Amino acid sequence: MKKVDDYSQPPFFVFIVPVVERAFFVLLNKFVYDYFIKKTVRSVDCAVSVLEM
C-alpha cells in the first residue's frame, strides 16, 4: 500500500515543482536584475556627476 501511495504522488510533483521553480527563478532573476541595474545606473550617475564637478 505504501508503494502504491509513493508511486501515485510523484506525477503531481513532477508537474508542479518545475512550474514553481521556473516561476520562482523568473521572479528572482527579474528582481535581482532590476535591483542591480538600478544600483549600477545610480552608481554610474553618481560617478558622472562627480566627474562633472
N, C-alpha and C. Protein backbone atom coordinates (compact mmCIF):
# COMPACT_ATOMS: atom_id res chain seq x y z
N MET A 1 0.84 -1.21 0.00
CA MET A 1 0.00 0.00 0.00
C MET A 1 0.88 1.26 0.00
N LYS A 2 1.93 1.22 0.79
CA LYS A 2 2.82 2.39 0.82
C LYS A 2 3.45 2.61 -0.54
N LYS A 3 3.85 1.52 -1.21
CA LYS A 3 4.47 1.66 -2.54
C LYS A 3 3.49 2.29 -3.52
N VAL A 4 2.23 1.91 -3.44
CA VAL A 4 1.23 2.47 -4.34
C VAL A 4 1.09 3.98 -4.07
N ASP A 5 1.05 4.37 -2.80
CA ASP A 5 0.95 5.79 -2.46
C ASP A 5 2.17 6.55 -2.99
N ASP A 6 3.35 6.00 -2.75
CA ASP A 6 4.57 6.66 -3.22
C ASP A 6 4.57 6.79 -4.73
N TYR A 7 4.01 5.79 -5.39
CA TYR A 7 4.03 5.80 -6.85
C TYR A 7 2.99 6.78 -7.41
N SER A 8 1.92 6.98 -6.68
CA SER A 8 0.86 7.86 -7.20
C SER A 8 1.16 9.33 -6.95
N GLN A 9 2.07 9.65 -6.03
CA GLN A 9 2.34 11.05 -5.70
C GLN A 9 3.30 11.74 -6.67
N PRO A 10 4.39 11.11 -7.09
CA PRO A 10 5.38 11.84 -7.91
C PRO A 10 4.82 12.59 -9.11
N PRO A 11 3.90 12.04 -9.92
CA PRO A 11 3.44 12.81 -11.10
C PRO A 11 2.98 14.21 -10.73
N PHE A 12 2.27 14.35 -9.61
CA PHE A 12 1.81 15.66 -9.17
C PHE A 12 3.01 16.59 -8.98
N PHE A 13 4.00 16.09 -8.26
CA PHE A 13 5.19 16.92 -8.01
C PHE A 13 5.97 17.15 -9.29
N VAL A 14 5.99 16.14 -10.15
CA VAL A 14 6.72 16.28 -11.41
C VAL A 14 6.15 17.44 -12.22
N PHE A 15 4.83 17.61 -12.14
CA PHE A 15 4.23 18.74 -12.88
C PHE A 15 4.36 20.05 -12.12
N ILE A 16 4.20 20.00 -10.79
CA ILE A 16 4.14 21.25 -10.00
C ILE A 16 5.52 21.84 -9.78
N VAL A 17 6.48 21.00 -9.40
CA VAL A 17 7.79 21.53 -8.99
C VAL A 17 8.48 22.34 -10.09
N PRO A 18 8.58 21.81 -11.32
CA PRO A 18 9.25 22.62 -12.36
C PRO A 18 8.56 23.96 -12.60
N VAL A 19 7.23 23.97 -12.56
CA VAL A 19 6.49 25.21 -12.78
C VAL A 19 6.81 26.20 -11.67
N VAL A 20 6.77 25.72 -10.43
CA VAL A 20 7.05 26.60 -9.28
C VAL A 20 8.50 27.09 -9.35
N GLU A 21 9.42 26.17 -9.66
CA GLU A 21 10.82 26.58 -9.75
C GLU A 21 11.01 27.59 -10.86
N ARG A 22 10.40 27.35 -12.02
CA ARG A 22 10.54 28.28 -13.15
C ARG A 22 10.03 29.66 -12.74
N ALA A 23 8.82 29.70 -12.15
CA ALA A 23 8.24 30.97 -11.76
C ALA A 23 9.11 31.65 -10.71
N PHE A 24 9.60 30.86 -9.74
CA PHE A 24 10.42 31.43 -8.67
C PHE A 24 11.69 32.04 -9.24
N PHE A 25 12.35 31.28 -10.13
CA PHE A 25 13.61 31.77 -10.69
C PHE A 25 13.38 32.97 -11.60
N VAL A 26 12.28 32.98 -12.34
CA VAL A 26 11.99 34.12 -13.20
C VAL A 26 11.79 35.37 -12.35
N LEU A 27 11.00 35.24 -11.27
CA LEU A 27 10.77 36.39 -10.40
C LEU A 27 12.06 36.82 -9.73
N LEU A 28 12.84 35.84 -9.28
CA LEU A 28 14.10 36.15 -8.59
C LEU A 28 15.05 36.87 -9.54
N ASN A 29 15.17 36.34 -10.76
CA ASN A 29 16.06 36.97 -11.74
C ASN A 29 15.59 38.38 -12.06
N LYS A 30 14.28 38.55 -12.25
CA LYS A 30 13.74 39.87 -12.56
C LYS A 30 14.06 40.85 -11.44
N PHE A 31 13.83 40.41 -10.20
CA PHE A 31 14.09 41.28 -9.05
C PHE A 31 15.58 41.61 -8.95
N VAL A 32 16.41 40.58 -9.07
CA VAL A 32 17.86 40.78 -8.92
C VAL A 32 18.39 41.67 -10.04
N TYR A 33 17.97 41.38 -11.28
CA TYR A 33 18.45 42.19 -12.41
C TYR A 33 18.00 43.64 -12.26
N ASP A 34 16.71 43.84 -11.90
CA ASP A 34 16.21 45.21 -11.72
C ASP A 34 17.02 45.91 -10.64
N TYR A 35 17.25 45.19 -9.53
CA TYR A 35 17.97 45.80 -8.40
C TYR A 35 19.38 46.19 -8.83
N PHE A 36 20.08 45.24 -9.48
CA PHE A 36 21.47 45.51 -9.84
C PHE A 36 21.56 46.57 -10.94
N ILE A 37 20.62 46.53 -11.88
CA ILE A 37 20.64 47.53 -12.94
C ILE A 37 20.41 48.92 -12.35
N LYS A 38 19.42 49.02 -11.46
CA LYS A 38 19.16 50.33 -10.84
C LYS A 38 20.36 50.78 -10.02
N LYS A 39 20.97 49.83 -9.29
CA LYS A 39 22.14 50.18 -8.48
C LYS A 39 23.29 50.62 -9.37
N THR A 40 23.50 49.89 -10.47
CA THR A 40 24.59 50.23 -11.39
C THR A 40 24.34 51.59 -12.02
N VAL A 41 23.10 51.81 -12.47
CA VAL A 41 22.76 53.10 -13.08
C VAL A 41 22.98 54.22 -12.08
N ARG A 42 22.56 53.98 -10.83
CA ARG A 42 22.71 55.01 -9.81
C ARG A 42 24.19 55.30 -9.56
N SER A 43 25.00 54.26 -9.46
CA SER A 43 26.43 54.49 -9.21
C SER A 43 27.09 55.15 -10.41
N VAL A 44 26.64 54.79 -11.62
CA VAL A 44 27.19 55.44 -12.82
C VAL A 44 26.80 56.91 -12.81
N ASP A 45 25.54 57.20 -12.46
CA ASP A 45 25.10 58.60 -12.37
C ASP A 45 25.94 59.36 -11.35
N CYS A 46 26.18 58.73 -10.19
CA CYS A 46 27.00 59.37 -9.16
C CYS A 46 28.41 59.64 -9.68
N ALA A 47 28.99 58.64 -10.36
CA ALA A 47 30.34 58.80 -10.89
C ALA A 47 30.39 59.93 -11.92
N VAL A 48 29.37 59.96 -12.80
CA VAL A 48 29.33 61.01 -13.84
C VAL A 48 29.20 62.38 -13.19
N SER A 49 28.32 62.51 -12.20
CA SER A 49 28.14 63.82 -11.56
C SER A 49 29.40 64.22 -10.79
N VAL A 50 30.10 63.24 -10.19
CA VAL A 50 31.36 63.55 -9.50
C VAL A 50 32.40 64.01 -10.52
N LEU A 51 32.46 63.32 -11.66
CA LEU A 51 33.44 63.69 -12.69
C LEU A 51 33.12 65.07 -13.26
N GLU A 52 31.81 65.37 -13.42
CA GLU A 52 31.44 66.67 -13.96
C GLU A 52 31.81 67.80 -13.00
N MET A 53 31.70 67.52 -11.71
CA MET A 53 32.11 68.53 -10.73
C MET A 53 33.63 68.69 -10.76
